């Protein structure tokens, strides 16, 4: 089983831009912002 991609998501109305202070490229450790289920990169 591979990684989940944008094309695998059922819903297509996610936002794909990061809010200020939230870096979508940082993975592995929590950042200072809460999880946002409307941000596509956070869902992935």
C-alpha atoms as a PDB file:
ATOM      1  CA  UNK A   1       0.000   0.000   0.000  1.00  0.00           C
ATOM      2  CA  UNK A   2       1.418   3.378  -1.015  1.00  0.00           C
ATOM      3  CA  UNK A   3       1.049   6.883   0.328  1.00  0.00           C
ATOM      4  CA  UNK A   4      -2.285   8.666   0.101  1.00  0.00           C
ATOM      5  CA  UNK A   5      -2.308  11.427  -2.506  1.00  0.00           C
ATOM      6  CA  UNK A   6      -4.556  14.358  -3.315  1.00  0.00           C
ATOM      7  CA  UNK A   7      -6.334  12.244  -5.952  1.00  0.00           C
ATOM      8  CA  UNK A   8      -7.303   9.616  -3.338  1.00  0.00           C
ATOM      9  CA  UNK A   9      -9.376  12.073  -1.291  1.00  0.00           C
ATOM     10  CA  UNK A  10     -13.155  11.783  -1.649  1.00  0.00           C
ATOM     11  CA  UNK A  11     -13.899  15.451  -0.999  1.00  0.00           C
ATOM     12  CA  UNK A  12     -12.332  17.955  -3.403  1.00  0.00           C
ATOM     13  CA  UNK A  13     -13.120  21.258  -1.659  1.00  0.00           C
ATOM     14  CA  UNK A  14     -10.055  21.447   0.591  1.00  0.00           C
ATOM     15  CA  UNK A  15      -7.955  24.576   0.809  1.00  0.00           C
ATOM     16  CA  UNK A  16      -4.366  23.977  -0.311  1.00  0.00           C
ATOM     17  CA  UNK A  17      -2.777  27.167   1.007  1.00  0.00           C
ATOM     18  CA  UNK A  18      -1.131  27.383   4.411  1.00  0.00           C
ATOM     19  CA  UNK A  19      -2.128  30.059   6.883  1.00  0.00           C
ATOM     20  CA  UNK A  20       0.634  32.288   8.181  1.00  0.00           C
ATOM     21  CA  UNK A  21       2.791  30.540  10.764  1.00  0.00           C
ATOM     22  CA  UNK A  22       1.806  27.093   9.480  1.00  0.00           C
ATOM     23  CA  UNK A  23       4.427  25.409   7.306  1.00  0.00           C
ATOM     24  CA  UNK A  24       3.047  22.512   5.192  1.00  0.00           C
ATOM     25  CA  UNK A  25       6.576  21.230   4.498  1.00  0.00           C
ATOM     26  CA  UNK A  26       7.364  20.510   8.166  1.00  0.00           C
ATOM     27  CA  UNK A  27       6.398  16.940   9.039  1.00  0.00           C
ATOM     28  CA  UNK A  28       7.007  14.585  11.909  1.00  0.00           C
ATOM     29  CA  UNK A  29       6.489  17.044  14.755  1.00  0.00           C
ATOM     30  CA  UNK A  30       3.454  19.100  15.738  1.00  0.00           C
ATOM     31  CA  UNK A  31       3.552  22.788  14.963  1.00  0.00           C
ATOM     32  CA  UNK A  32       1.997  25.630  16.912  1.00  0.00           C
ATOM     33  CA  UNK A  33      -1.352  25.565  15.091  1.00  0.00           C
ATOM     34  CA  UNK A  34      -4.226  23.162  15.661  1.00  0.00           C
ATOM     35  CA  UNK A  35      -5.276  20.598  13.058  1.00  0.00           C
ATOM     36  CA  UNK A  36      -7.618  22.103  10.479  1.00  0.00           C
ATOM     37  CA  UNK A  37      -9.770  19.531   8.663  1.00  0.00           C
ATOM     38  CA  UNK A  38     -10.381  22.001   5.823  1.00  0.00           C
ATOM     39  CA  UNK A  39      -6.681  22.229   4.880  1.00  0.00           C
ATOM     40  CA  UNK A  40      -5.905  19.517   2.359  1.00  0.00           C
ATOM     41  CA  UNK A  41      -2.220  19.160   3.188  1.00  0.00           C
ATOM     42  CA  UNK A  42      -3.078  18.601   6.877  1.00  0.00           C
ATOM     43  CA  UNK A  43      -5.604  15.891   6.008  1.00  0.00           C
ATOM     44  CA  UNK A  44      -3.006  14.082   3.914  1.00  0.00           C
END
